[in-house]
Amino acid sequence: IVPMWLPVSSFTGCMDEGNALWYNLAQPPSVGLAAPVERLLQQLRTGAPV
C-alpha cells in the first residue's frame, strides 16, 4: 500500500464510486481494516511521516 497525494483541478468526479473504496480521513467508514492499513491511515490523520 502506497499513499499518493495527487493534485486535482476539480473535485467533481474525483471520488466517484467504482470497484474501490475511497477512505475519507475526516469521516472514516465503518469497515474492517487490516492492522497495517489502520496504522498507515492513523499516520496520515496525525500528519506523521509515512
Protein backbone atom coordinates (compact mmCIF):
# COMPACT_ATOMS: atom_id res chain seq x y z
CA ILE A 1 0.00 0.00 0.00
CA VAL A 2 1.46 3.31 -1.06
CA PRO A 3 -0.34 6.56 -0.23
CA MET A 4 -0.36 9.01 -3.11
CA TRP A 5 -1.12 12.72 -2.91
CA LEU A 6 -2.40 13.89 -6.28
CA PRO A 7 -3.23 17.45 -7.28
CA VAL A 8 -6.62 17.81 -8.96
CA SER A 9 -8.10 20.84 -10.65
CA SER A 10 -11.65 19.93 -9.61
CA PHE A 11 -13.16 17.60 -7.04
CA THR A 12 -16.13 16.82 -9.29
CA GLY A 13 -15.99 13.11 -10.02
CA CYS A 14 -12.76 12.70 -8.06
CA MET A 15 -14.20 10.19 -5.60
CA ASP A 16 -16.86 8.55 -7.77
CA GLU A 17 -17.75 5.05 -6.66
CA GLY A 18 -16.36 2.22 -8.70
CA ASN A 19 -14.87 -1.04 -7.60
CA ALA A 20 -12.77 0.76 -4.96
CA LEU A 21 -13.44 2.34 -1.58
CA TRP A 22 -12.23 5.91 -1.13
CA TYR A 23 -11.33 6.43 2.51
CA ASN A 24 -12.16 9.87 3.87
CA LEU A 25 -9.87 10.52 6.86
CA ALA A 26 -12.32 13.09 8.25
CA GLN A 27 -15.31 10.72 8.01
CA PRO A 28 -14.00 7.15 8.07
CA PRO A 29 -16.43 4.42 7.01
CA SER A 30 -17.16 1.60 9.42
CA VAL A 31 -15.31 -1.17 7.63
CA GLY A 32 -12.83 -3.67 8.98
CA LEU A 33 -9.25 -2.88 8.01
CA ALA A 34 -6.04 -4.85 8.38
CA ALA A 35 -3.79 -3.60 11.20
CA PRO A 36 -1.03 -2.28 8.83
CA VAL A 37 -3.64 -0.32 6.87
CA GLU A 38 -5.13 1.11 10.05
CA ARG A 39 -1.64 2.21 11.22
CA LEU A 40 -0.96 3.88 7.87
CA LEU A 41 -4.27 5.75 7.98
CA GLN A 42 -3.60 6.82 11.58
CA GLN A 43 -0.24 8.25 10.46
CA LEU A 44 -1.98 10.17 7.68
CA ARG A 45 -4.61 11.50 10.11
CA THR A 46 -1.97 12.79 12.54
CA GLY A 47 0.38 14.15 9.89
CA ALA A 48 3.18 11.78 10.89
CA PRO A 49 5.72 10.91 8.17
CA VAL A 50 4.71 7.85 6.18
